[in-house]
């Protein structure tokens, strides 16, 4: 007696080819999205706009703007904290955008080391 598989299961080589084609399509979509994100610009501010940072999606700093009122020679640590905060916020935005948009392609499945 032959065992029956649920519909959509089995199919042998034909099913495997279909899965490979789907994986290749997903890989192309991921590569396209990664390129798109790397070309985008992301901005963040700290200190109520006293420090502004713009970075590429590749996490390279493109610009840093510091308002004169944020510069206090007696409190350099505050300015350093504002810069760090703005940079970290911008990186978090890039990461969050990447995860959200990649999740739309991968159906929420995470691929370690990919993004």
PDB file of N, CA and C in Angstrom:
ATOM      1  N   UNK A   1       0.844  -1.175   0.000  1.00  0.00           N
ATOM      2  CA  UNK A   1       0.000   0.000   0.000  1.00  0.00           C
ATOM      3  C   UNK A   1       0.898   1.249   0.000  1.00  0.00           C
ATOM      4  N   UNK A   2       0.545   2.206  -0.817  1.00  0.00           N
ATOM      5  CA  UNK A   2       1.309   3.449  -0.927  1.00  0.00           C
ATOM      6  C   UNK A   2       0.832   4.468   0.102  1.00  0.00           C
ATOM      7  N   UNK A   3       1.796   5.136   0.737  1.00  0.00           N
ATOM      8  CA  UNK A   3       1.443   6.188   1.691  1.00  0.00           C
ATOM      9  C   UNK A   3       1.092   7.458   0.922  1.00  0.00           C
ATOM     10  N   UNK A   4       0.098   8.143   1.405  1.00  0.00           N
ATOM     11  CA  UNK A   4      -0.299   9.402   0.763  1.00  0.00           C
ATOM     12  C   UNK A   4       0.225  10.572   1.575  1.00  0.00           C
ATOM     13  N   UNK A   5       0.785  11.527   0.874  1.00  0.00           N
ATOM     14  CA  UNK A   5       1.266  12.747   1.513  1.00  0.00           C
ATOM     15  C   UNK A   5       0.206  13.823   1.378  1.00  0.00           C
ATOM     16  N   UNK A   6       0.145  14.723   2.329  1.00  0.00           N
ATOM     17  CA  UNK A   6      -0.806  15.840   2.204  1.00  0.00           C
ATOM     18  C   UNK A   6      -0.543  16.611   0.918  1.00  0.00           C
ATOM     19  N   UNK A   7      -1.577  17.235   0.409  1.00  0.00           N
ATOM     20  CA  UNK A   7      -1.454  18.001  -0.827  1.00  0.00           C
ATOM     21  C   UNK A   7      -0.404  19.093  -0.653  1.00  0.00           C
ATOM     22  N   UNK A   8       0.429  19.237  -1.676  1.00  0.00           N
ATOM     23  CA  UNK A   8       1.483  20.245  -1.631  1.00  0.00           C
ATOM     24  C   UNK A   8       2.784  19.696  -1.080  1.00  0.00           C
ATOM     25  N   UNK A   9       2.737  18.509  -0.527  1.00  0.00           N
ATOM     26  CA  UNK A   9       3.940  17.884   0.005  1.00  0.00           C
ATOM     27  C   UNK A   9       4.494  16.944  -1.050  1.00  0.00           C
ATOM     28  N   UNK A  10       5.753  16.705  -0.992  1.00  0.00           N
ATOM     29  CA  UNK A  10       6.358  15.798  -1.964  1.00  0.00           C
ATOM     30  C   UNK A  10       6.615  16.540  -3.252  1.00  0.00           C
ATOM     31  N   UNK A  11       6.524  15.845  -4.354  1.00  0.00           N
ATOM     32  CA  UNK A  11       6.752  16.498  -5.642  1.00  0.00           C
ATOM     33  C   UNK A  11       8.177  16.345  -6.104  1.00  0.00           C
ATOM     34  N   UNK A  12       9.044  15.892  -5.220  1.00  0.00           N
ATOM     35  CA  UNK A  12      10.415  15.605  -5.594  1.00  0.00           C
ATOM     36  C   UNK A  12      11.156  16.784  -6.181  1.00  0.00           C
ATOM     37  N   UNK A  13      11.783  16.527  -7.344  1.00  0.00           N
ATOM     38  CA  UNK A  13      12.651  17.518  -7.980  1.00  0.00           C
ATOM     39  C   UNK A  13      11.889  18.777  -8.385  1.00  0.00           C
ATOM     40  N   UNK A  14      10.647  18.607  -8.815  1.00  0.00           N
ATOM     41  CA  UNK A  14       9.858  19.772  -9.222  1.00  0.00           C
ATOM     42  C   UNK A  14       9.644  20.721  -8.043  1.00  0.00           C
ATOM     43  N   UNK A  15       9.309  20.172  -6.878  1.00  0.00           N
ATOM     44  CA  UNK A  15       9.101  20.980  -5.685  1.00  0.00           C
ATOM     45  C   UNK A  15      10.415  21.644  -5.251  1.00  0.00           C
ATOM     46  N   UNK A  16      11.525  20.908  -5.350  1.00  0.00           N
ATOM     47  CA  UNK A  16      12.836  21.441  -4.980  1.00  0.00           C
ATOM     48  C   UNK A  16      13.215  22.601  -5.895  1.00  0.00           C
ATOM     49  N   UNK A  17      12.967  22.463  -7.192  1.00  0.00           N
ATOM     50  CA  UNK A  17      13.264  23.550  -8.136  1.00  0.00           C
ATOM     51  C   UNK A  17      12.447  24.788  -7.821  1.00  0.00           C
ATOM     52  N   UNK A  18      11.199  24.588  -7.452  1.00  0.00           N
ATOM     53  CA  UNK A  18      10.342  25.710  -7.085  1.00  0.00           C
ATOM     54  C   UNK A  18      10.886  26.420  -5.847  1.00  0.00           C
ATOM     55  N   UNK A  19      11.312  25.655  -4.862  1.00  0.00           N
ATOM     56  CA  UNK A  19      11.877  26.251  -3.639  1.00  0.00           C
ATOM     57  C   UNK A  19      13.165  27.010  -3.945  1.00  0.00           C
ATOM     58  N   UNK A  20      13.989  26.467  -4.816  1.00  0.00           N
ATOM     59  CA  UNK A  20      15.243  27.136  -5.186  1.00  0.00           C
ATOM     60  C   UNK A  20      14.940  28.451  -5.893  1.00  0.00           C
ATOM     61  N   UNK A  21      13.964  28.451  -6.787  1.00  0.00           N
ATOM     62  CA  UNK A  21      13.589  29.683  -7.490  1.00  0.00           C
ATOM     63  C   UNK A  21      13.062  30.734  -6.519  1.00  0.00           C
ATOM     64  N   UNK A  22      12.266  30.300  -5.542  1.00  0.00           N
ATOM     65  CA  UNK A  22      11.753  31.237  -4.532  1.00  0.00           C
ATOM     66  C   UNK A  22      12.897  31.821  -3.711  1.00  0.00           C
ATOM     67  N   UNK A  23      13.855  30.984  -3.332  1.00  0.00           N
ATOM     68  CA  UNK A  23      14.999  31.449  -2.547  1.00  0.00           C
ATOM     69  C   UNK A  23      15.843  32.434  -3.348  1.00  0.00           C
ATOM     70  N   UNK A  24      16.032  32.159  -4.636  1.00  0.00           N
ATOM     71  CA  UNK A  24      16.803  33.070  -5.488  1.00  0.00           C
ATOM     72  C   UNK A  24      16.098  34.411  -5.633  1.00  0.00           C
ATOM     73  N   UNK A  25      14.782  34.364  -5.781  1.00  0.00           N
ATOM     74  CA  UNK A  25      14.009  35.607  -5.895  1.00  0.00           C
ATOM     75  C   UNK A  25      14.120  36.410  -4.606  1.00  0.00           C
ATOM     76  N   UNK A  26      14.003  35.732  -3.463  1.00  0.00           N
ATOM     77  CA  UNK A  26      14.119  36.414  -2.182  1.00  0.00           C
ATOM     78  C   UNK A  26      15.515  37.023  -2.025  1.00  0.00           C
ATOM     79  N   UNK A  27      16.541  36.296  -2.440  1.00  0.00           N
ATOM     80  CA  UNK A  27      17.902  36.796  -2.352  1.00  0.00           C
ATOM     81  C   UNK A  27      18.076  38.059  -3.194  1.00  0.00           C
ATOM     82  N   UNK A  28      17.505  38.074  -4.388  1.00  0.00           N
ATOM     83  CA  UNK A  28      17.570  39.257  -5.248  1.00  0.00           C
ATOM     84  C   UNK A  28      16.858  40.440  -4.595  1.00  0.00           C
ATOM     85  N   UNK A  29      15.689  40.195  -4.006  1.00  0.00           N
ATOM     86  CA  UNK A  29      14.946  41.264  -3.339  1.00  0.00           C
ATOM     87  C   UNK A  29      15.739  41.813  -2.154  1.00  0.00           C
ATOM     88  N   UNK A  30      16.366  40.941  -1.400  1.00  0.00           N
ATOM     89  CA  UNK A  30      17.154  41.368  -0.242  1.00  0.00           C
ATOM     90  C   UNK A  30      18.340  42.212  -0.692  1.00  0.00           C
ATOM     91  N   UNK A  31      19.037  41.767  -1.722  1.00  0.00           N
ATOM     92  CA  UNK A  31      20.189  42.510  -2.235  1.00  0.00           C
ATOM     93  C   UNK A  31      19.762  43.888  -2.733  1.00  0.00           C
ATOM     94  N   UNK A  32      18.651  43.948  -3.453  1.00  0.00           N
ATOM     95  CA  UNK A  32      18.135  45.228  -3.957  1.00  0.00           C
ATOM     96  C   UNK A  32      17.785  46.161  -2.802  1.00  0.00           C
ATOM     97  N   UNK A  33      17.120  45.612  -1.779  1.00  0.00           N
ATOM     98  CA  UNK A  33      16.740  46.426  -0.631  1.00  0.00           C
ATOM     99  C   UNK A  33      17.964  46.912   0.131  1.00  0.00           C
ATOM    100  N   UNK A  34      18.955  46.048   0.318  1.00  0.00           N
ATOM    101  CA  UNK A  34      20.182  46.461   1.017  1.00  0.00           C
ATOM    102  C   UNK A  34      20.853  47.613   0.276  1.00  0.00           C
ATOM    103  N   UNK A  35      20.945  47.513  -1.042  1.00  0.00           N
ATOM    104  CA  UNK A  35      21.538  48.589  -1.839  1.00  0.00           C
ATOM    105  C   UNK A  35      20.744  49.876  -1.684  1.00  0.00           C
ATOM    106  N   UNK A  36      19.413  49.752  -1.705  1.00  0.00           N
ATOM    107  CA  UNK A  36      18.541  50.921  -1.565  1.00  0.00           C
ATOM    108  C   UNK A  36      18.742  51.588  -0.197  1.00  0.00           C
ATOM    109  N   UNK A  37      18.767  50.803   0.849  1.00  0.00           N
ATOM    110  CA  UNK A  37      18.934  51.354   2.205  1.00  0.00           C
ATOM    111  C   UNK A  37      20.293  52.034   2.338  1.00  0.00           C
ATOM    112  N   UNK A  38      21.339  51.433   1.783  1.00  0.00           N
ATOM    113  CA  UNK A  38      22.676  52.024   1.878  1.00  0.00           C
ATOM    114  C   UNK A  38      22.763  53.380   1.182  1.00  0.00           C
ATOM    115  N   UNK A  39      21.932  53.601   0.180  1.00  0.00           N
ATOM    116  CA  UNK A  39      21.950  54.869  -0.556  1.00  0.00           C
ATOM    117  C   UNK A  39      21.106  55.949   0.110  1.00  0.00           C
ATOM    118  N   UNK A  40      20.245  55.565   1.038  1.00  0.00           N
ATOM    119  CA  UNK A  40      19.375  56.534   1.711  1.00  0.00           C
ATOM    120  C   UNK A  40      20.149  57.341   2.745  1.00  0.00           C
ATOM    121  N   UNK A  41      19.570  58.467   3.100  1.00  0.00           N
ATOM    122  CA  UNK A  41      20.124  59.295   4.174  1.00  0.00           C
ATOM    123  C   UNK A  41      19.169  59.273   5.358  1.00  0.00           C
ATOM    124  N   UNK A  42      19.735  59.145   6.552  1.00  0.00           N
ATOM    125  CA  UNK A  42      18.973  59.118   7.797  1.00  0.00           C
ATOM    126  C   UNK A  42      19.503  60.233   8.685  1.00  0.00           C
ATOM    127  N   UNK A  43      18.609  60.903   9.388  1.00  0.00           N
ATOM    128  CA  UNK A  43      19.002  62.010  10.255  1.00  0.00           C
ATOM    129  C   UNK A  43      18.446  61.819  11.652  1.00  0.00           C
ATOM    130  N   UNK A  44      19.166  62.371  12.619  1.00  0.00           N
ATOM    131  CA  UNK A  44      18.715  62.353  14.007  1.00  0.00           C
ATOM    132  C   UNK A  44      19.251  63.600  14.695  1.00  0.00           C
ATOM    133  N   UNK A  45      18.560  63.981  15.776  1.00  0.00           N
ATOM    134  CA  UNK A  45      18.950  65.160  16.548  1.00  0.00           C
ATOM    135  C   UNK A  45      18.992  64.810  18.020  1.00  0.00           C
ATOM    136  N   UNK A  46      19.725  65.618  18.756  1.00  0.00           N
ATOM    137  CA  UNK A  46      19.705  65.508  20.216  1.00  0.00           C
ATOM    138  C   UNK A  46      19.792  66.911  20.798  1.00  0.00           C
ATOM    139  N   UNK A  47      19.481  67.001  22.071  1.00  0.00           N
ATOM    140  CA  UNK A  47      19.529  68.299  22.740  1.00  0.00           C
ATOM    141  C   UNK A  47      18.557  69.295  22.143  1.00  0.00           C
ATOM    142  N   UNK A  48      17.378  68.809  21.745  1.00  0.00           N
ATOM    143  CA  UNK A  48      16.381  69.709  21.176  1.00  0.00           C
ATOM    144  C   UNK A  48      16.821  70.329  19.862  1.00  0.00           C
ATOM    145  N   UNK A  49      17.643  69.607  19.113  1.00  0.00           N
ATOM    146  CA  UNK A  49      18.118  70.096  17.821  1.00  0.00           C
ATOM    147  C   UNK A  49      19.459  70.790  17.897  1.00  0.00           C
ATOM    148  N   UNK A  50      20.073  70.796  19.072  1.00  0.00           N
ATOM    149  CA  UNK A  50      21.388  71.434  19.221  1.00  0.00           C
ATOM    150  C   UNK A  50      22.447  70.698  18.408  1.00  0.00           C
ATOM    151  N   UNK A  51      22.293  69.383  18.281  1.00  0.00           N
ATOM    152  CA  UNK A  51      23.211  68.566  17.488  1.00  0.00           C
ATOM    153  C   UNK A  51      22.380  67.762  16.498  1.00  0.00           C
ATOM    154  N   UNK A  52      22.774  67.825  15.223  1.00  0.00           N
ATOM    155  CA  UNK A  52      22.094  67.067  14.170  1.00  0.00           C
ATOM    156  C   UNK A  52      23.121  66.235  13.418  1.00  0.00           C
ATOM    157  N   UNK A  53      22.744  65.001  13.131  1.00  0.00           N
ATOM    158  CA  UNK A  53      23.623  64.081  12.423  1.00  0.00           C
ATOM    159  C   UNK A  53      22.870  63.522  11.220  1.00  0.00           C
ATOM    160  N   UNK A  54      23.564  63.411  10.096  1.00  0.00           N
ATOM    161  CA  UNK A  54      23.023  62.734   8.921  1.00  0.00           C
ATOM    162  C   UNK A  54      24.001  61.637   8.545  1.00  0.00           C
ATOM    163  N   UNK A  55      23.433  60.426   8.355  1.00  0.00           N
ATOM    164  CA  UNK A  55      24.257  59.273   8.005  1.00  0.00           C
ATOM    165  C   UNK A  55      23.652  58.572   6.796  1.00  0.00           C
ATOM    166  N   UNK A  56      24.495  57.854   6.082  1.00  0.00           N
ATOM    167  CA  UNK A  56      23.994  57.010   4.997  1.00  0.00           C
ATOM    168  C   UNK A  56      23.486  55.711   5.612  1.00  0.00           C
ATOM    169  N   UNK A  57      22.711  54.975   4.842  1.00  0.00           N
ATOM    170  CA  UNK A  57      22.241  53.679   5.301  1.00  0.00           C
ATOM    171  C   UNK A  57      23.376  52.697   5.516  1.00  0.00           C
ATOM    172  N   UNK A  58      24.545  53.010   4.957  1.00  0.00           N
ATOM    173  CA  UNK A  58      25.743  52.197   5.165  1.00  0.00           C
ATOM    174  C   UNK A  58      26.443  52.586   6.471  1.00  0.00           C
ATOM    175  N   UNK A  59      25.805  53.445   7.236  1.00  0.00           N
ATOM    176  CA  UNK A  59      26.264  53.903   8.551  1.00  0.00           C
ATOM    177  C   UNK A  59      27.555  54.723   8.476  1.00  0.00           C
ATOM    178  N   UNK A  60      27.662  55.515   7.420  1.00  0.00           N
ATOM    179  CA  UNK A  60      28.759  56.469   7.307  1.00  0.00           C
ATOM    180  C   UNK A  60      28.198  57.858   7.594  1.00  0.00           C
ATOM    181  N   UNK A  61      28.883  58.584   8.463  1.00  0.00           N
ATOM    182  CA  UNK A  61      28.420  59.922   8.803  1.00  0.00           C
ATOM    183  C   UNK A  61      28.647  60.847   7.616  1.00  0.00           C
ATOM    184  N   UNK A  62      27.581  61.529   7.209  1.00  0.00           N
ATOM    185  CA  UNK A  62      27.652  62.444   6.086  1.00  0.00           C
ATOM    186  C   UNK A  62      27.776  63.892   6.543  1.00  0.00           C
ATOM    187  N   UNK A  63      27.098  64.210   7.661  1.00  0.00           N
ATOM    188  CA  UNK A  63      27.210  65.573   8.173  1.00  0.00           C
ATOM    189  C   UNK A  63      26.933  65.599   9.668  1.00  0.00           C
ATOM    190  N   UNK A  64      27.497  66.601  10.292  1.00  0.00           N
ATOM    191  CA  UNK A  64      27.318  66.851  11.724  1.00  0.00           C
ATOM    192  C   UNK A  64      27.140  68.352  11.886  1.00  0.00           C
ATOM    193  N   UNK A  65      26.037  68.736  12.502  1.00  0.00           N
ATOM    194  CA  UNK A  65      25.760  70.149  12.721  1.00  0.00           C
ATOM    195  C   UNK A  65      25.626  70.405  14.221  1.00  0.00           C
ATOM    196  N   UNK A  66      26.353  71.408  14.700  1.00  0.00           N
ATOM    197  CA  UNK A  66      26.308  71.765  16.120  1.00  0.00           C
ATOM    198  C   UNK A  66      25.963  73.248  16.219  1.00  0.00           C
ATOM    199  N   UNK A  67      24.869  73.546  16.909  1.00  0.00           N
ATOM    200  CA  UNK A  67      24.487  74.948  17.102  1.00  0.00           C
ATOM    201  C   UNK A  67      25.440  75.592  18.108  1.00  0.00           C
ATOM    202  N   UNK A  68      25.752  76.859  17.901  1.00  0.00           N
ATOM    203  CA  UNK A  68      26.708  77.550  18.780  1.00  0.00           C
ATOM    204  C   UNK A  68      26.339  77.491  20.261  1.00  0.00           C
ATOM    205  N   UNK A  69      25.050  77.533  20.580  1.00  0.00           N
ATOM    206  CA  UNK A  69      24.656  77.513  21.983  1.00  0.00           C
ATOM    207  C   UNK A  69      24.952  76.175  22.667  1.00  0.00           C
ATOM    208  N   UNK A  70      25.251  75.139  21.855  1.00  0.00           N
ATOM    209  CA  UNK A  70      25.584  73.833  22.427  1.00  0.00           C
ATOM    210  C   UNK A  70      27.051  73.755  22.824  1.00  0.00           C
ATOM    211  N   UNK A  71      27.832  74.746  22.418  1.00  0.00           N
ATOM    212  CA  UNK A  71      29.269  74.728  22.697  1.00  0.00           C
ATOM    213  C   UNK A  71      29.545  75.554  23.957  1.00  0.00           C
ATOM    214  N   UNK A  72      29.895  74.851  25.010  1.00  0.00           N
ATOM    215  CA  UNK A  72      30.260  75.485  26.274  1.00  0.00           C
ATOM    216  C   UNK A  72      31.635  74.943  26.660  1.00  0.00           C
ATOM    217  N   UNK A  73      32.665  75.807  26.586  1.00  0.00           N
ATOM    218  CA  UNK A  73      34.019  75.332  26.893  1.00  0.00           C
ATOM    219  C   UNK A  73      34.154  74.742  28.300  1.00  0.00           C
ATOM    220  N   UNK A  74      33.260  75.119  29.189  1.00  0.00           N
ATOM    221  CA  UNK A  74      33.321  74.593  30.547  1.00  0.00           C
ATOM    222  C   UNK A  74      32.568  73.266  30.700  1.00  0.00           C
ATOM    223  N   UNK A  75      31.882  72.839  29.641  1.00  0.00           N
ATOM    224  CA  UNK A  75      31.107  71.597  29.721  1.00  0.00           C
ATOM    225  C   UNK A  75      31.230  70.810  28.416  1.00  0.00           C
ATOM    226  N   UNK A  76      32.438  70.428  28.085  1.00  0.00           N
ATOM    227  CA  UNK A  76      32.711  69.682  26.869  1.00  0.00           C
ATOM    228  C   UNK A  76      32.018  68.314  26.897  1.00  0.00           C
ATOM    229  N   UNK A  77      31.913  67.736  28.090  1.00  0.00           N
ATOM    230  CA  UNK A  77      31.291  66.415  28.223  1.00  0.00           C
ATOM    231  C   UNK A  77      29.832  66.421  27.739  1.00  0.00           C
ATOM    232  N   UNK A  78      29.124  67.511  27.982  1.00  0.00           N
ATOM    233  CA  UNK A  78      27.742  67.585  27.534  1.00  0.00           C
ATOM    234  C   UNK A  78      27.670  67.540  26.012  1.00  0.00           C
ATOM    235  N   UNK A  79      28.541  68.265  25.341  1.00  0.00           N
ATOM    236  CA  UNK A  79      28.564  68.269  23.882  1.00  0.00           C
ATOM    237  C   UNK A  79      28.918  66.880  23.352  1.00  0.00           C
ATOM    238  N   UNK A  80      29.863  66.229  24.001  1.00  0.00           N
ATOM    239  CA  UNK A  80      30.218  64.865  23.594  1.00  0.00           C
ATOM    240  C   UNK A  80      29.015  63.932  23.732  1.00  0.00           C
ATOM    241  N   UNK A  81      28.297  64.049  24.831  1.00  0.00           N
ATOM    242  CA  UNK A  81      27.112  63.216  25.054  1.00  0.00           C
ATOM    243  C   UNK A  81      26.029  63.482  24.001  1.00  0.00           C
ATOM    244  N   UNK A  82      25.858  64.753  23.635  1.00  0.00           N
ATOM    245  CA  UNK A  82      24.866  65.096  22.612  1.00  0.00           C
ATOM    246  C   UNK A  82      25.235  64.482  21.255  1.00  0.00           C
ATOM    247  N   UNK A  83      26.505  64.519  20.924  1.00  0.00           N
ATOM    248  CA  UNK A  83      26.958  63.944  19.652  1.00  0.00           C
ATOM    249  C   UNK A  83      26.760  62.429  19.665  1.00  0.00           C
ATOM    250  N   UNK A  84      27.178  61.788  20.738  1.00  0.00           N
ATOM    251  CA  UNK A  84      27.018  60.338  20.855  1.00  0.00           C
ATOM    252  C   UNK A  84      25.545  59.960  20.767  1.00  0.00           C
ATOM    253  N   UNK A  85      24.702  60.708  21.447  1.00  0.00           N
ATOM    254  CA  UNK A  85      23.265  60.430  21.447  1.00  0.00           C
ATOM    255  C   UNK A  85      22.678  60.542  20.046  1.00  0.00           C
ATOM    256  N   UNK A  86      23.043  61.580  19.319  1.00  0.00           N
ATOM    257  CA  UNK A  86      22.513  61.782  17.966  1.00  0.00           C
ATOM    258  C   UNK A  86      22.996  60.677  17.018  1.00  0.00           C
ATOM    259  N   UNK A  87      24.267  60.308  17.115  1.00  0.00           N
ATOM    260  CA  UNK A  87      24.816  59.253  16.264  1.00  0.00           C
ATOM    261  C   UNK A  87      24.133  57.918  16.567  1.00  0.00           C
ATOM    262  N   UNK A  88      24.003  57.597  17.854  1.00  0.00           N
ATOM    263  CA  UNK A  88      23.365  56.338  18.233  1.00  0.00           C
ATOM    264  C   UNK A  88      21.902  56.284  17.791  1.00  0.00           C
ATOM    265  N   UNK A  89      21.200  57.387  17.906  1.00  0.00           N
ATOM    266  CA  UNK A  89      19.800  57.447  17.469  1.00  0.00           C
ATOM    267  C   UNK A  89      19.701  57.218  15.966  1.00  0.00           C
ATOM    268  N   UNK A  90      20.608  57.799  15.222  1.00  0.00           N
ATOM    269  CA  UNK A  90      20.612  57.631  13.774  1.00  0.00           C
ATOM    270  C   UNK A  90      20.899  56.161  13.405  1.00  0.00           C
ATOM    271  N   UNK A  91      21.845  55.553  14.061  1.00  0.00           N
ATOM    272  CA  UNK A  91      22.158  54.141  13.817  1.00  0.00           C
ATOM    273  C   UNK A  91      20.966  53.261  14.171  1.00  0.00           C
ATOM    274  N   UNK A  92      20.305  53.568  15.282  1.00  0.00           N
ATOM    275  CA  UNK A  92      19.112  52.795  15.666  1.00  0.00           C
ATOM    276  C   UNK A  92      18.015  52.915  14.609  1.00  0.00           C
ATOM    277  N   UNK A  93      17.854  54.097  14.031  1.00  0.00           N
ATOM    278  CA  UNK A  93      16.858  54.307  12.986  1.00  0.00           C
ATOM    279  C   UNK A  93      17.199  53.483  11.745  1.00  0.00           C
ATOM    280  N   UNK A  94      18.464  53.467  11.375  1.00  0.00           N
ATOM    281  CA  UNK A  94      18.903  52.678  10.220  1.00  0.00           C
ATOM    282  C   UNK A  94      18.631  51.194  10.468  1.00  0.00           C
ATOM    283  N   UNK A  95      19.020  50.712  11.649  1.00  0.00           N
ATOM    284  CA  UNK A  95      18.814  49.294  11.986  1.00  0.00           C
ATOM    285  C   UNK A  95      17.336  48.930  12.000  1.00  0.00           C
ATOM    286  N   UNK A  96      16.531  49.777  12.599  1.00  0.00           N
ATOM    287  CA  UNK A  96      15.097  49.520  12.684  1.00  0.00           C
ATOM    288  C   UNK A  96      14.453  49.491  11.300  1.00  0.00           C
ATOM    289  N   UNK A  97      14.836  50.437  10.452  1.00  0.00           N
ATOM    290  CA  UNK A  97      14.311  50.484   9.089  1.00  0.00           C
ATOM    291  C   UNK A  97      14.712  49.231   8.322  1.00  0.00           C
ATOM    292  N   UNK A  98      15.966  48.826   8.466  1.00  0.00           N
ATOM    293  CA  UNK A  98      16.446  47.619   7.782  1.00  0.00           C
ATOM    294  C   UNK A  98      15.677  46.387   8.238  1.00  0.00           C
ATOM    295  N   UNK A  99      15.508  46.230   9.541  1.00  0.00           N
ATOM    296  CA  UNK A  99      14.806  45.069  10.074  1.00  0.00           C
ATOM    297  C   UNK A  99      13.353  45.031   9.606  1.00  0.00           C
ATOM    298  N   UNK A 100      12.691  46.174   9.647  1.00  0.00           N
ATOM    299  CA  UNK A 100      11.287  46.243   9.237  1.00  0.00           C
ATOM    300  C   UNK A 100      11.121  45.910   7.760  1.00  0.00           C
ATOM    301  N   UNK A 101      11.938  46.516   6.927  1.00  0.00           N
ATOM    302  CA  UNK A 101      11.800  46.313   5.490  1.00  0.00           C
ATOM    303  C   UNK A 101      12.271  44.925   5.061  1.00  0.00           C
ATOM    304  N   UNK A 102      13.298  44.395   5.722  1.00  0.00           N
ATOM    305  CA  UNK A 102      13.742  43.026   5.431  1.00  0.00           C
ATOM    306  C   UNK A 102      12.680  42.029   5.874  1.00  0.00           C
ATOM    307  N   UNK A 103      12.043  42.304   6.999  1.00  0.00           N
ATOM    308  CA  UNK A 103      10.995  41.420   7.508  1.00  0.00           C
ATOM    309  C   UNK A 103       9.837  41.294   6.532  1.00  0.00           C
ATOM    310  N   UNK A 104       9.568  42.366   5.789  1.00  0.00           N
ATOM    311  CA  UNK A 104       8.497  42.321   4.794  1.00  0.00           C
ATOM    312  C   UNK A 104       8.850  41.355   3.662  1.00  0.00           C
ATOM    313  N   UNK A 105      10.134  41.221   3.359  1.00  0.00           N
ATOM    314  CA  UNK A 105      10.577  40.313   2.299  1.00  0.00           C
ATOM    315  C   UNK A 105      10.668  38.874   2.807  1.00  0.00           C
ATOM    316  N   UNK A 106      11.243  38.722   3.994  1.00  0.00           N
ATOM    317  CA  UNK A 106      11.529  37.382   4.511  1.00  0.00           C
ATOM    318  C   UNK A 106      10.370  36.791   5.318  1.00  0.00           C
ATOM    319  N   UNK A 107       9.322  37.556   5.484  1.00  0.00           N
ATOM    320  CA  UNK A 107       8.186  37.068   6.262  1.00  0.00           C
ATOM    321  C   UNK A 107       8.506  37.000   7.744  1.00  0.00           C
ATOM    322  N   UNK A 108       9.448  37.804   8.186  1.00  0.00           N
ATOM    323  CA  UNK A 108       9.811  37.852   9.596  1.00  0.00           C
ATOM    324  C   UNK A 108      10.863  36.849  10.007  1.00  0.00           C
ATOM    325  N   UNK A 109      11.311  36.006   9.072  1.00  0.00           N
ATOM    326  CA  UNK A 109      12.354  35.034   9.396  1.00  0.00           C
ATOM    327  C   UNK A 109      13.688  35.757   9.393  1.00  0.00           C
ATOM    328  N   UNK A 110      14.450  35.567  10.451  1.00  0.00           N
ATOM    329  CA  UNK A 110      15.744  36.223  10.571  1.00  0.00           C
ATOM    330  C   UNK A 110      16.840  35.348  10.003  1.00  0.00           C
ATOM    331  N   UNK A 111      17.733  35.958   9.245  1.00  0.00           N
ATOM    332  CA  UNK A 111      18.888  35.255   8.708  1.00  0.00           C
ATOM    333  C   UNK A 111      20.131  35.870   9.338  1.00  0.00           C
ATOM    334  N   UNK A 112      20.688  35.231  10.388  1.00  0.00           N
ATOM    335  CA  UNK A 112      21.831  35.782  11.099  1.00  0.00           C
ATOM    336  C   UNK A 112      22.978  36.138  10.157  1.00  0.00           C
ATOM    337  N   UNK A 113      23.530  37.314  10.379  1.00  0.00           N
ATOM    338  CA  UNK A 113      24.664  37.762   9.570  1.00  0.00           C
ATOM    339  C   UNK A 113      24.270  38.434   8.287  1.00  0.00           C
ATOM    340  N   UNK A 114      22.990  38.378   7.933  1.00  0.00           N
ATOM    341  CA  UNK A 114      22.546  38.973   6.681  1.00  0.00           C
ATOM    342  C   UNK A 114      22.234  40.446   6.846  1.00  0.00           C
ATOM    343  N   UNK A 115      21.532  40.797   7.918  1.00  0.00           N
ATOM    344  CA  UNK A 115      21.184  42.198   8.184  1.00  0.00           C
ATOM    345  C   UNK A 115      21.007  42.403   9.637  1.00  0.00           C
TER     346      UNK A 115
END
